[in-house]
C-alpha cells in the first residue's frame, strides 16, 4: 500500500520494460499512469510529458468492479522505461480491510 486510511487508499504498480502483468483487485478504482507507455486491457496507456490545452491524454482510467475482480492486463511497451501506475480506491476498500493488522 502506498497510503492507507479508512477514507481512501492507493497502490503503486511498476511493470518492468517489455513485461506484462495481470492484476486483480477486490473493488472498483481509478488509476493514473505516472511514468512510461503501455497498454491496459487493449487500450493505450501513457504518461504525457506535455499536455496542450484541449488535448486528449491516455493517462487516467476507471476500472469497474467486474473488470477489477476479473483482472486487468498491463503491458509495458518500452524496452527501457518502467511503466508506473497509481491505483486509487475509495472508502470501504475490501482489500484494505483484509490487509489491516488485527490491532487497528
Protein backbone atom coordinates (compact mmCIF):
# COMPACT_ATOMS: atom_id res chain seq x y z
CA UNK A 1 0.00 0.00 0.00
CA UNK A 2 1.19 3.48 -0.79
CA UNK A 3 -1.30 5.09 1.58
CA UNK A 4 -3.91 3.53 3.87
CA UNK A 5 -6.81 5.24 5.54
CA UNK A 6 -10.47 4.35 6.19
CA UNK A 7 -11.43 7.01 3.62
CA UNK A 8 -9.15 6.18 0.70
CA UNK A 9 -6.09 4.16 -0.22
CA UNK A 10 -3.71 3.74 -3.13
CA UNK A 11 -1.35 1.14 -4.54
CA UNK A 12 1.56 1.66 -6.90
CA UNK A 13 2.22 -0.86 -9.68
CA UNK A 14 5.51 -0.99 -11.58
CA UNK A 15 5.80 -3.18 -14.68
CA UNK A 16 9.35 -3.74 -15.95
CA UNK A 17 10.27 -2.87 -19.56
CA UNK A 18 8.88 -5.40 -22.05
CA UNK A 19 6.89 -7.24 -19.36
CA UNK A 20 3.18 -7.75 -18.71
CA UNK A 21 1.16 -8.26 -15.54
CA UNK A 22 -2.44 -9.25 -14.83
CA UNK A 23 -3.67 -7.64 -11.61
CA UNK A 24 -6.91 -8.41 -9.77
CA UNK A 25 -8.44 -6.20 -7.10
CA UNK A 26 -11.47 -6.58 -4.89
CA UNK A 27 -13.01 -3.18 -5.73
CA UNK A 28 -13.57 -0.66 -8.47
CA UNK A 29 -10.88 2.03 -8.62
CA UNK A 30 -9.39 4.85 -10.61
CA UNK A 31 -5.84 4.85 -11.92
CA UNK A 32 -3.31 7.27 -13.27
CA UNK A 33 -0.18 6.46 -15.24
CA UNK A 34 2.73 8.37 -13.70
CA UNK A 35 5.57 7.06 -15.89
CA UNK A 36 6.01 5.16 -19.15
CA UNK A 37 3.88 3.89 -22.00
CA UNK A 38 1.93 0.70 -22.42
CA UNK A 39 -1.43 -0.95 -22.87
CA UNK A 40 -4.21 -1.55 -20.35
CA UNK A 41 -6.68 -4.25 -21.47
CA UNK A 42 -6.07 -3.33 -25.11
CA UNK A 43 -6.28 0.47 -24.66
CA UNK A 44 -3.40 2.94 -24.83
CA UNK A 45 -1.83 3.94 -21.52
CA UNK A 46 0.79 6.69 -21.37
CA UNK A 47 2.16 9.31 -19.03
CA UNK A 48 2.26 12.52 -21.07
CA UNK A 49 5.38 14.68 -20.98
CA UNK A 50 3.43 17.73 -22.15
CA UNK A 51 -0.30 18.37 -22.44
CA UNK A 52 -1.68 21.05 -24.74
CA UNK A 53 -4.97 22.75 -23.92
CA UNK A 54 -7.84 20.56 -25.15
CA UNK A 55 -5.58 17.60 -25.96
CA UNK A 56 -6.73 14.07 -25.18
CA UNK A 57 -4.44 12.08 -22.89
CA UNK A 58 -4.32 8.36 -22.12
CA UNK A 59 -3.12 8.54 -18.53
CA UNK A 60 -6.32 8.12 -16.47
CA UNK A 61 -8.86 5.29 -16.38
CA UNK A 62 -11.67 3.97 -14.20
CA UNK A 63 -11.80 0.23 -13.52
CA UNK A 64 -15.24 -1.21 -12.77
CA UNK A 65 -15.79 -3.80 -10.05
CA UNK A 66 -16.35 -6.57 -12.63
CA UNK A 67 -13.16 -5.69 -14.51
CA UNK A 68 -11.13 -5.38 -11.29
CA UNK A 69 -12.19 -8.79 -10.00
CA UNK A 70 -11.67 -10.42 -13.43
CA UNK A 71 -8.16 -8.98 -13.79
CA UNK A 72 -6.63 -6.09 -15.70
CA UNK A 73 -3.72 -6.72 -18.05
CA UNK A 74 -0.93 -4.12 -18.09
CA UNK A 75 1.69 -4.37 -20.84
CA UNK A 76 4.84 -2.22 -20.81
CA UNK A 77 5.67 -1.40 -24.44
CA UNK A 78 9.01 0.25 -23.66
CA UNK A 79 12.32 -1.56 -23.94
CA UNK A 80 13.98 0.67 -21.34
CA UNK A 81 11.50 2.56 -19.12
CA UNK A 82 9.28 1.14 -16.38
CA UNK A 83 5.51 1.55 -16.58
CA UNK A 84 4.28 3.02 -13.27
CA UNK A 85 0.58 3.21 -12.38
CA UNK A 86 -1.07 4.51 -9.21
CA UNK A 87 -4.38 2.80 -8.46
CA UNK A 88 -6.62 4.70 -6.01
CA UNK A 89 -9.55 3.28 -4.06
CA UNK A 90 -12.46 4.94 -2.26
CA UNK A 91 -13.93 4.28 1.19
CA UNK A 92 -14.68 0.71 2.17
CA UNK A 93 -11.96 -0.90 0.07
CA UNK A 94 -12.40 -4.63 0.80
CA UNK A 95 -8.71 -5.43 0.34
CA UNK A 96 -7.69 -2.66 2.72
CA UNK A 97 -9.79 -4.28 5.44
CA UNK A 98 -8.12 -7.66 4.74
CA UNK A 99 -4.59 -6.17 4.82
CA UNK A 100 -5.11 -4.18 8.04
CA UNK A 101 -3.38 -5.64 11.12
CA UNK A 102 -5.76 -7.06 13.74
CA UNK A 103 -5.00 -4.33 16.31
CA UNK A 104 -6.33 -1.48 14.13
